[in-house]
Amino acid sequence: MKVNIRKVRENLSEIINRVSVKGERVILTSRNKPKAAIVSLKDALALEDKSMRKAKRLFQLERIRKEREKLVRRGVVSDSLATLRKIREERVEVRSSSD
């Protein structure tokens, strides 16, 4: 649903109820151009969770890249599966030591 920002001011509680109860998503517009969105808390958390998963994957890929660089400097041809295994083992060790 698209709503002009001026109309949102007049009907904010109704819009919040539609978003929170019915799960609707509201696009706020100004001069017919999208400016912002109102989404349910459930949708916002899902977006945040998705972002965190992506950030974690990127971090892991960076660790793999650095590990490969170390191996190349030593003259060792990197095996991706072995590198992934090593990172996973390190992660398990960190989790185990923090418990």
C-alpha atoms as a PDB file:
ATOM      1  CA  MET A   1       0.000   0.000   0.000  1.00  0.00           C
ATOM      2  CA  LYS A   2       1.319   3.481  -0.857  1.00  0.00           C
ATOM      3  CA  VAL A   3       0.378   6.448   1.309  1.00  0.00           C
ATOM      4  CA  ASN A   4       1.299  10.109   1.066  1.00  0.00           C
ATOM      5  CA  ILE A   5       3.243  11.316   4.097  1.00  0.00           C
ATOM      6  CA  ARG A   6       0.586  13.963   4.792  1.00  0.00           C
ATOM      7  CA  LYS A   7      -2.101  11.250   4.996  1.00  0.00           C
ATOM      8  CA  VAL A   8       0.119   9.215   7.331  1.00  0.00           C
ATOM      9  CA  ARG A   9       0.118  12.083   9.822  1.00  0.00           C
ATOM     10  CA  GLU A  10      -3.682  12.064   9.807  1.00  0.00           C
ATOM     11  CA  ASN A  11      -4.059   8.267  10.062  1.00  0.00           C
ATOM     12  CA  LEU A  12      -0.940   7.072  11.855  1.00  0.00           C
ATOM     13  CA  SER A  13      -2.648   4.803  14.410  1.00  0.00           C
ATOM     14  CA  GLU A  14      -4.782   3.161  11.692  1.00  0.00           C
ATOM     15  CA  ILE A  15      -1.711   2.569   9.530  1.00  0.00           C
ATOM     16  CA  ILE A  16       0.275   1.125  12.427  1.00  0.00           C
ATOM     17  CA  ASN A  17      -2.601  -1.266  13.204  1.00  0.00           C
ATOM     18  CA  ARG A  18      -2.776  -2.415   9.577  1.00  0.00           C
ATOM     19  CA  VAL A  19       0.975  -3.013   9.544  1.00  0.00           C
ATOM     20  CA  SER A  20       1.182  -4.771  12.897  1.00  0.00           C
ATOM     21  CA  VAL A  21      -2.047  -6.774  12.815  1.00  0.00           C
ATOM     22  CA  LYS A  22      -2.538  -7.505   9.112  1.00  0.00           C
ATOM     23  CA  GLY A  23       1.141  -7.575   8.184  1.00  0.00           C
ATOM     24  CA  GLU A  24       0.716  -4.990   5.442  1.00  0.00           C
ATOM     25  CA  ARG A  25       3.692  -3.000   4.226  1.00  0.00           C
ATOM     26  CA  VAL A  26       3.249   0.708   3.699  1.00  0.00           C
ATOM     27  CA  ILE A  27       5.350   2.792   1.345  1.00  0.00           C
ATOM     28  CA  LEU A  28       5.450   6.453   2.361  1.00  0.00           C
ATOM     29  CA  THR A  29       5.458   8.805  -0.595  1.00  0.00           C
ATOM     30  CA  SER A  30       6.056  12.474  -1.157  1.00  0.00           C
ATOM     31  CA  ARG A  31       5.126  13.938  -4.528  1.00  0.00           C
ATOM     32  CA  ASN A  32       4.447  10.392  -5.702  1.00  0.00           C
ATOM     33  CA  LYS A  33       8.050   9.351  -4.985  1.00  0.00           C
ATOM     34  CA  PRO A  34       8.764   6.576  -2.450  1.00  0.00           C
ATOM     35  CA  LYS A  35      10.584   7.986   0.590  1.00  0.00           C
ATOM     36  CA  ALA A  36      10.355   5.340   3.326  1.00  0.00           C
ATOM     37  CA  ALA A  37       8.508   2.223   4.428  1.00  0.00           C
ATOM     38  CA  ILE A  38       6.614   1.068   7.475  1.00  0.00           C
ATOM     39  CA  VAL A  39       6.844  -2.671   8.080  1.00  0.00           C
ATOM     40  CA  SER A  40       5.862  -4.951  10.928  1.00  0.00           C
ATOM     41  CA  LEU A  41       8.363  -5.755  13.631  1.00  0.00           C
ATOM     42  CA  LYS A  42       8.440  -9.340  12.350  1.00  0.00           C
ATOM     43  CA  ASP A  43       9.464  -8.144   8.865  1.00  0.00           C
ATOM     44  CA  ALA A  44      12.064  -5.750  10.290  1.00  0.00           C
ATOM     45  CA  LEU A  45      13.639  -8.525  12.373  1.00  0.00           C
ATOM     46  CA  ALA A  46      13.691 -10.847   9.361  1.00  0.00           C
ATOM     47  CA  LEU A  47      15.498  -8.188   7.317  1.00  0.00           C
ATOM     48  CA  GLU A  48      17.984  -7.637  10.129  1.00  0.00           C
ATOM     49  CA  ASP A  49      18.581 -11.381  10.487  1.00  0.00           C
ATOM     50  CA  LYS A  50      19.160 -11.703   6.749  1.00  0.00           C
ATOM     51  CA  SER A  51      21.689  -8.850   6.862  1.00  0.00           C
ATOM     52  CA  MET A  52      23.537 -10.453   9.756  1.00  0.00           C
ATOM     53  CA  ARG A  53      23.738 -13.795   7.960  1.00  0.00           C
ATOM     54  CA  LYS A  54      25.145 -12.075   4.894  1.00  0.00           C
ATOM     55  CA  ALA A  55      27.686 -10.156   6.992  1.00  0.00           C
ATOM     56  CA  LYS A  56      28.799 -13.386   8.688  1.00  0.00           C
ATOM     57  CA  ARG A  57      29.229 -15.114   5.321  1.00  0.00           C
ATOM     58  CA  LEU A  58      31.306 -12.208   4.022  1.00  0.00           C
ATOM     59  CA  PHE A  59      33.453 -12.309   7.165  1.00  0.00           C
ATOM     60  CA  GLN A  60      34.011 -16.044   6.721  1.00  0.00           C
ATOM     61  CA  LEU A  61      34.959 -15.570   3.071  1.00  0.00           C
ATOM     62  CA  GLU A  62      37.474 -12.923   4.088  1.00  0.00           C
ATOM     63  CA  ARG A  63      39.008 -15.321   6.618  1.00  0.00           C
ATOM     64  CA  ILE A  64      39.291 -17.965   3.899  1.00  0.00           C
ATOM     65  CA  ARG A  65      40.968 -15.481   1.563  1.00  0.00           C
ATOM     66  CA  LYS A  66      43.516 -14.530   4.232  1.00  0.00           C
ATOM     67  CA  GLU A  67      44.213 -18.181   5.029  1.00  0.00           C
ATOM     68  CA  ARG A  68      44.785 -18.902   1.351  1.00  0.00           C
ATOM     69  CA  GLU A  69      47.195 -15.961   1.120  1.00  0.00           C
ATOM     70  CA  LYS A  70      49.189 -17.395   4.041  1.00  0.00           C
ATOM     71  CA  LEU A  71      49.376 -20.762   2.328  1.00  0.00           C
ATOM     72  CA  VAL A  72      50.455 -19.246  -0.981  1.00  0.00           C
ATOM     73  CA  ARG A  73      53.244 -17.326   0.762  1.00  0.00           C
ATOM     74  CA  ARG A  74      54.460 -20.646   2.178  1.00  0.00           C
ATOM     75  CA  GLY A  75      54.296 -22.226  -1.278  1.00  0.00           C
ATOM     76  CA  VAL A  76      51.403 -24.504  -0.370  1.00  0.00           C
ATOM     77  CA  VAL A  77      48.583 -24.970  -2.841  1.00  0.00           C
ATOM     78  CA  SER A  78      45.373 -24.392  -0.919  1.00  0.00           C
ATOM     79  CA  ASP A  79      42.636 -26.970  -0.665  1.00  0.00           C
ATOM     80  CA  SER A  80      39.373 -25.081  -0.087  1.00  0.00           C
ATOM     81  CA  LEU A  81      37.737 -27.936   1.785  1.00  0.00           C
ATOM     82  CA  ALA A  82      40.643 -28.221   4.173  1.00  0.00           C
ATOM     83  CA  THR A  83      40.587 -24.476   4.753  1.00  0.00           C
ATOM     84  CA  LEU A  84      36.866 -24.525   5.497  1.00  0.00           C
ATOM     85  CA  ARG A  85      37.344 -27.457   7.872  1.00  0.00           C
ATOM     86  CA  LYS A  86      40.065 -25.577   9.733  1.00  0.00           C
ATOM     87  CA  ILE A  87      37.892 -22.481  10.140  1.00  0.00           C
ATOM     88  CA  ARG A  88      34.967 -24.571  11.377  1.00  0.00           C
ATOM     89  CA  GLU A  89      37.195 -26.368  13.878  1.00  0.00           C
ATOM     90  CA  GLU A  90      38.516 -23.036  15.176  1.00  0.00           C
ATOM     91  CA  ARG A  91      34.941 -21.807  15.579  1.00  0.00           C
ATOM     92  CA  VAL A  92      33.966 -24.925  17.531  1.00  0.00           C
ATOM     93  CA  GLU A  93      37.017 -24.503  19.758  1.00  0.00           C
ATOM     94  CA  VAL A  94      36.105 -20.871  20.467  1.00  0.00           C
ATOM     95  CA  ARG A  95      32.521 -21.823  21.319  1.00  0.00           C
ATOM     96  CA  SER A  96      33.666 -24.677  23.546  1.00  0.00           C
ATOM     97  CA  SER A  97      36.126 -22.530  25.457  1.00  0.00           C
ATOM     98  CA  SER A  98      33.510 -19.806  26.071  1.00  0.00           C
ATOM     99  CA  ASP A  99      30.989 -22.262  27.587  1.00  0.00           C
END
